Amino acid sequence: MTRPVSIRGFTLVEIVIAIGVISVAALALVGLLSVGLDAAREAKEETACGLVARYVYSDLETDAISAEDPSASVVSPFNPASLSSGFSKRYYFTQDGIFLGNALPATPDATRPPFFLADAAIASPPGALAAGVANQGVSPKELRAVALSIKWPVLAGTGTVSATARTSDFSFLIGKVFYRKSVEGDR
């Protein structure tokens, strides 16, 4: 005589519980996907913000190098007349960090709307810093302190920042003396 073979399978309750567990895990993964996409977008914006800051630094450094003429007609961070009235520069950039100009165009390009607004305020270095560089043989007249504020997103039509704008602030020094030393050697 042969014994009957028992076939054992899953019950309906076990299958429903397994589907429930898989559904909860899938929903958690979908929720994490949006967090990951937000983090990637923020990382892209922060990277572009760094590129914007580097561009502004290079532009102001170029102004410093080309500012050898101290006449009042030269608009430069190293012209005493410019500095006494407060020297500042504004820059507009796309979302990818591409420079658009120092002012919004009259007819904006819809394919490259402004996204970043950078304002650079240039001043003489603070007293303690000026004294410190003077001790190193650098004339404080040849250094400028820059406070750079980058805001985004910019409203495309007006060029102003949105109510929920994010801001990154930078500060650095620019100077003519570094260029002269590299070209003319130490004095």
Protein backbone atom coordinates (compact mmCIF):
# COMPACT_ATOMS: atom_id res chain seq x y z
CA MET A 1 0.00 0.00 0.00
CA THR A 2 1.24 3.46 -0.86
CA ARG A 3 0.82 6.41 1.35
CA PRO A 4 -0.84 9.53 -0.03
CA VAL A 5 1.63 12.31 -0.69
CA SER A 6 0.60 15.54 1.00
CA ILE A 7 0.93 18.60 -1.18
CA ARG A 8 1.52 21.66 0.92
CA GLY A 9 1.16 25.19 -0.49
CA PHE A 10 0.65 28.73 0.73
CA THR A 11 -2.59 29.75 2.24
CA LEU A 12 -4.50 32.77 1.06
CA VAL A 13 -3.64 34.65 4.27
CA GLU A 14 0.11 34.09 3.75
CA ILE A 15 -0.09 35.38 0.18
CA VAL A 16 -2.01 38.52 1.22
CA ILE A 17 0.56 39.25 3.96
CA ALA A 18 3.46 38.80 1.52
CA ILE A 19 1.85 41.16 -1.02
CA GLY A 20 1.28 43.71 1.77
CA VAL A 21 4.95 43.59 2.84
CA ILE A 22 6.13 43.96 -0.76
CA SER A 23 3.74 46.90 -1.30
CA VAL A 24 5.01 48.75 1.78
CA ALA A 25 8.63 48.22 0.67
CA ALA A 26 7.83 49.46 -2.85
CA LEU A 27 6.13 52.59 -1.49
CA ALA A 28 9.16 53.30 0.72
CA LEU A 29 11.46 53.02 -2.30
CA VAL A 30 9.26 55.40 -4.31
CA GLY A 31 9.38 57.88 -1.41
CA LEU A 32 13.17 57.66 -1.31
CA LEU A 33 13.32 58.29 -5.04
CA SER A 34 11.88 61.80 -4.66
CA VAL A 35 14.33 62.55 -1.82
CA GLY A 36 17.20 61.37 -4.01
CA LEU A 37 16.05 63.50 -6.94
CA ASP A 38 15.79 66.58 -4.69
CA ALA A 39 19.29 65.94 -3.36
CA ALA A 40 20.65 65.58 -6.91
CA ARG A 41 18.97 68.85 -7.97
CA GLU A 42 20.37 70.69 -4.94
CA ALA A 43 23.85 69.27 -5.59
CA LYS A 44 23.67 70.46 -9.21
CA GLU A 45 22.60 73.95 -8.09
CA GLU A 46 25.35 74.14 -5.45
CA THR A 47 27.95 73.05 -8.01
CA ALA A 48 26.74 75.68 -10.49
CA CYS A 49 26.79 78.23 -7.65
CA GLY A 50 30.47 77.42 -7.10
CA LEU A 51 31.12 77.93 -10.81
CA VAL A 52 29.34 81.28 -10.64
CA ALA A 53 31.51 82.34 -7.68
CA ARG A 54 34.67 81.31 -9.56
CA TYR A 55 33.58 83.28 -12.63
CA VAL A 56 32.90 86.42 -10.56
CA TYR A 57 36.26 86.05 -8.80
CA SER A 58 38.06 85.73 -12.15
CA ASP A 59 36.18 88.70 -13.60
CA LEU A 60 37.03 90.93 -10.64
CA GLU A 61 40.62 89.74 -10.71
CA THR A 62 40.77 90.72 -14.40
CA ASP A 63 39.39 94.15 -13.47
CA ALA A 64 42.16 94.43 -10.89
CA ILE A 65 44.86 93.56 -13.41
CA SER A 66 43.55 96.01 -16.02
CA ALA A 67 43.16 98.83 -13.49
CA GLU A 68 46.61 100.34 -13.78
CA ASP A 69 45.24 103.77 -14.75
CA PRO A 70 44.14 105.59 -11.57
CA SER A 71 42.22 108.24 -13.53
CA ALA A 72 38.64 108.93 -12.50
CA SER A 73 37.34 107.73 -15.88
CA VAL A 74 38.36 104.10 -15.25
CA VAL A 75 35.60 102.13 -13.50
CA SER A 76 37.58 99.69 -11.42
CA PRO A 77 37.65 98.35 -7.88
CA PHE A 78 41.12 99.91 -7.60
CA ASN A 79 40.12 103.37 -8.69
CA PRO A 80 39.81 105.47 -5.51
CA ALA A 81 36.94 107.45 -7.06
CA SER A 82 35.01 104.23 -7.77
CA LEU A 83 35.65 102.87 -4.30
CA SER A 84 34.62 106.01 -2.43
CA SER A 85 31.15 105.87 -3.96
CA GLY A 86 30.82 102.13 -3.30
CA PHE A 87 31.86 99.75 -6.06
CA SER A 88 29.58 96.84 -6.87
CA LYS A 89 28.87 94.60 -9.82
CA ARG A 90 25.85 92.47 -10.71
CA TYR A 91 25.93 89.27 -12.76
CA TYR A 92 23.24 87.00 -14.22
CA PHE A 93 23.81 83.31 -15.00
CA THR A 94 21.78 80.38 -16.35
CA GLN A 95 20.93 77.30 -14.31
CA ASP A 96 24.08 75.66 -15.69
CA GLY A 97 26.28 78.57 -14.57
CA ILE A 98 26.67 80.16 -18.02
CA PHE A 99 27.23 83.92 -17.85
CA LEU A 100 24.38 85.95 -19.37
CA GLY A 101 25.55 89.49 -18.66
CA ASN A 102 25.70 92.23 -16.05
CA ALA A 103 22.13 93.28 -16.82
CA LEU A 104 19.11 91.46 -18.12
CA PRO A 105 18.69 91.76 -21.89
CA ALA A 106 15.72 93.79 -23.16
CA THR A 107 14.40 90.68 -24.93
CA PRO A 108 15.30 87.65 -22.80
CA ASP A 109 16.14 84.35 -24.45
CA ALA A 110 13.46 81.84 -23.43
CA THR A 111 15.86 78.93 -23.94
CA ARG A 112 18.40 80.39 -21.47
CA PRO A 113 16.51 82.18 -18.70
CA PRO A 114 18.46 83.70 -15.80
CA PHE A 115 18.65 81.48 -12.74
CA PHE A 116 21.48 82.85 -10.57
CA LEU A 117 21.88 86.49 -9.50
CA ALA A 118 25.32 87.40 -8.13
CA ASP A 119 25.99 90.73 -6.41
CA ALA A 120 29.59 91.60 -5.60
CA ALA A 121 30.30 94.48 -3.21
CA ILE A 122 33.93 95.64 -3.20
CA ALA A 123 35.53 97.65 -0.40
CA SER A 124 38.91 98.43 1.10
CA PRO A 125 40.07 95.63 3.38
CA PRO A 126 39.11 96.00 7.05
CA GLY A 127 41.65 97.75 9.31
CA ALA A 128 43.06 94.63 11.00
CA LEU A 129 43.52 92.88 7.66
CA ALA A 130 45.06 96.00 6.10
CA ALA A 131 47.56 96.21 8.98
CA GLY A 132 48.36 92.51 8.61
CA VAL A 133 49.11 92.69 4.90
CA ALA A 134 51.12 95.90 5.41
CA ASN A 135 53.35 93.92 7.81
CA GLN A 136 53.91 91.44 4.96
CA GLY A 137 55.12 94.18 2.61
CA VAL A 138 51.86 94.45 0.65
CA SER A 139 50.23 97.85 0.30
CA PRO A 140 46.60 97.78 1.47
CA LYS A 141 45.88 100.10 -1.47
CA GLU A 142 46.44 97.12 -3.73
CA LEU A 143 43.93 94.83 -2.00
CA ARG A 144 40.16 94.83 -2.03
CA ALA A 145 37.73 92.82 0.07
CA VAL A 146 34.85 91.32 -1.89
CA ALA A 147 31.53 90.23 -0.40
CA LEU A 148 29.71 88.08 -2.95
CA SER A 149 26.08 87.06 -2.53
CA ILE A 150 24.60 84.56 -4.98
CA LYS A 151 20.82 84.08 -4.98
CA TRP A 152 18.62 81.67 -6.89
CA PRO A 153 16.17 81.08 -8.49
CA VAL A 154 15.68 84.34 -10.38
CA LEU A 155 12.26 85.17 -11.80
CA ALA A 156 12.81 85.17 -15.56
CA GLY A 157 10.70 88.20 -16.49
CA THR A 158 11.82 90.62 -13.79
CA GLY A 159 15.33 89.49 -12.87
CA THR A 160 14.44 89.56 -9.19
CA VAL A 161 14.75 86.59 -6.87
CA SER A 162 11.78 84.52 -5.84
CA ALA A 163 10.27 84.58 -2.37
CA THR A 164 11.81 81.16 -1.67
CA ALA A 165 15.27 82.11 -2.94
CA ARG A 166 18.33 80.30 -1.67
CA THR A 167 21.51 82.26 -0.96
CA SER A 168 25.21 81.45 -0.79
CA ASP A 169 27.62 84.08 0.50
CA PHE A 170 31.34 84.21 -0.25
CA SER A 171 34.10 86.60 0.75
CA PHE A 172 37.57 86.87 -0.73
CA LEU A 173 40.38 89.29 -1.53
CA ILE A 174 41.51 90.50 -4.91
CA GLY A 175 44.72 92.36 -5.50
CA LYS A 176 46.91 93.94 -8.14
CA VAL A 177 50.11 93.15 -6.29
CA PHE A 178 49.88 89.43 -7.00
CA TYR A 179 49.81 90.05 -10.75
CA ARG A 180 52.72 92.47 -10.61
CA LYS A 181 54.85 90.08 -8.60
CA SER A 182 54.20 87.24 -10.99
CA VAL A 183 55.11 89.38 -14.02
CA GLU A 184 57.82 91.63 -12.66
CA GLY A 185 59.21 89.36 -9.96
CA ASP A 186 59.74 90.32 -6.34
CA ARG A 187 60.67 93.94 -5.76
